[in-house]
Amino acid sequence: MAARIRELAGRSSIAELARRTGTSRSRMSTYASGKVTPSAAMMLRIERVAGT
């Protein structure tokens, strides 16, 4: 899951992805590093805002 988030964020940035999903940059960073697994609902929001 972390690799997918990093892939999606690579198109812009972690900060931009966080802003567009309505979460903090630090929370998005924890998702991208694999320290925390996002909920299914958050993963769907990430996928949607990333345009996939």
Protein backbone atom coordinates (compact mmCIF):
# COMPACT_ATOMS: atom_id res chain seq x y z
CA MET A 1 0.00 0.00 0.00
CA ALA A 2 2.84 2.41 0.86
CA ALA A 3 4.45 1.87 -2.54
CA ARG A 4 1.16 2.67 -4.28
CA ILE A 5 0.78 5.89 -2.29
CA ARG A 6 4.36 6.91 -3.15
CA GLU A 7 3.63 6.14 -6.80
CA LEU A 8 0.50 8.27 -6.76
CA ALA A 9 2.22 11.09 -4.90
CA GLY A 10 5.11 11.02 -7.33
CA ARG A 11 2.88 12.75 -9.83
CA SER A 12 2.75 15.80 -7.57
CA SER A 13 3.97 15.65 -3.97
CA ILE A 14 3.03 14.18 -0.62
CA ALA A 15 2.00 17.67 0.57
CA GLU A 16 -0.23 18.24 -2.46
CA LEU A 17 -1.79 14.79 -2.16
CA ALA A 18 -2.46 15.47 1.53
CA ARG A 19 -4.04 18.84 0.79
CA ARG A 20 -6.28 17.40 -1.91
CA THR A 21 -7.46 14.52 0.30
CA GLY A 22 -8.09 16.74 3.32
CA THR A 23 -5.48 15.18 5.58
CA SER A 24 -2.24 16.49 7.03
CA ARG A 25 1.10 16.20 5.30
CA SER A 26 2.48 14.30 8.27
CA ARG A 27 -0.35 11.76 8.14
CA MET A 28 0.14 11.27 4.40
CA SER A 29 3.86 10.79 5.03
CA THR A 30 3.11 8.03 7.54
CA TYR A 31 0.98 6.32 4.89
CA ALA A 32 3.70 6.70 2.24
CA SER A 33 6.39 5.34 4.56
CA GLY A 34 4.28 2.33 5.54
CA LYS A 35 4.22 3.23 9.24
CA VAL A 36 0.42 3.46 9.16
CA THR A 37 -2.00 1.76 6.78
CA PRO A 38 -4.75 4.06 5.52
CA SER A 39 -8.35 2.99 5.89
CA ALA A 40 -10.13 1.71 2.81
CA ALA A 41 -12.07 4.99 2.62
CA MET A 42 -8.86 7.04 2.74
CA MET A 43 -7.23 4.86 0.10
CA LEU A 44 -10.22 5.45 -2.17
CA ARG A 45 -9.90 9.22 -1.62
CA ILE A 46 -6.21 9.07 -2.43
CA GLU A 47 -6.89 7.11 -5.61
CA ARG A 48 -9.66 9.51 -6.65
CA VAL A 49 -7.70 12.72 -6.17
CA ALA A 50 -4.70 11.19 -7.92
CA GLY A 51 -6.92 10.60 -10.92
CA THR A 52 -6.77 6.85 -11.10
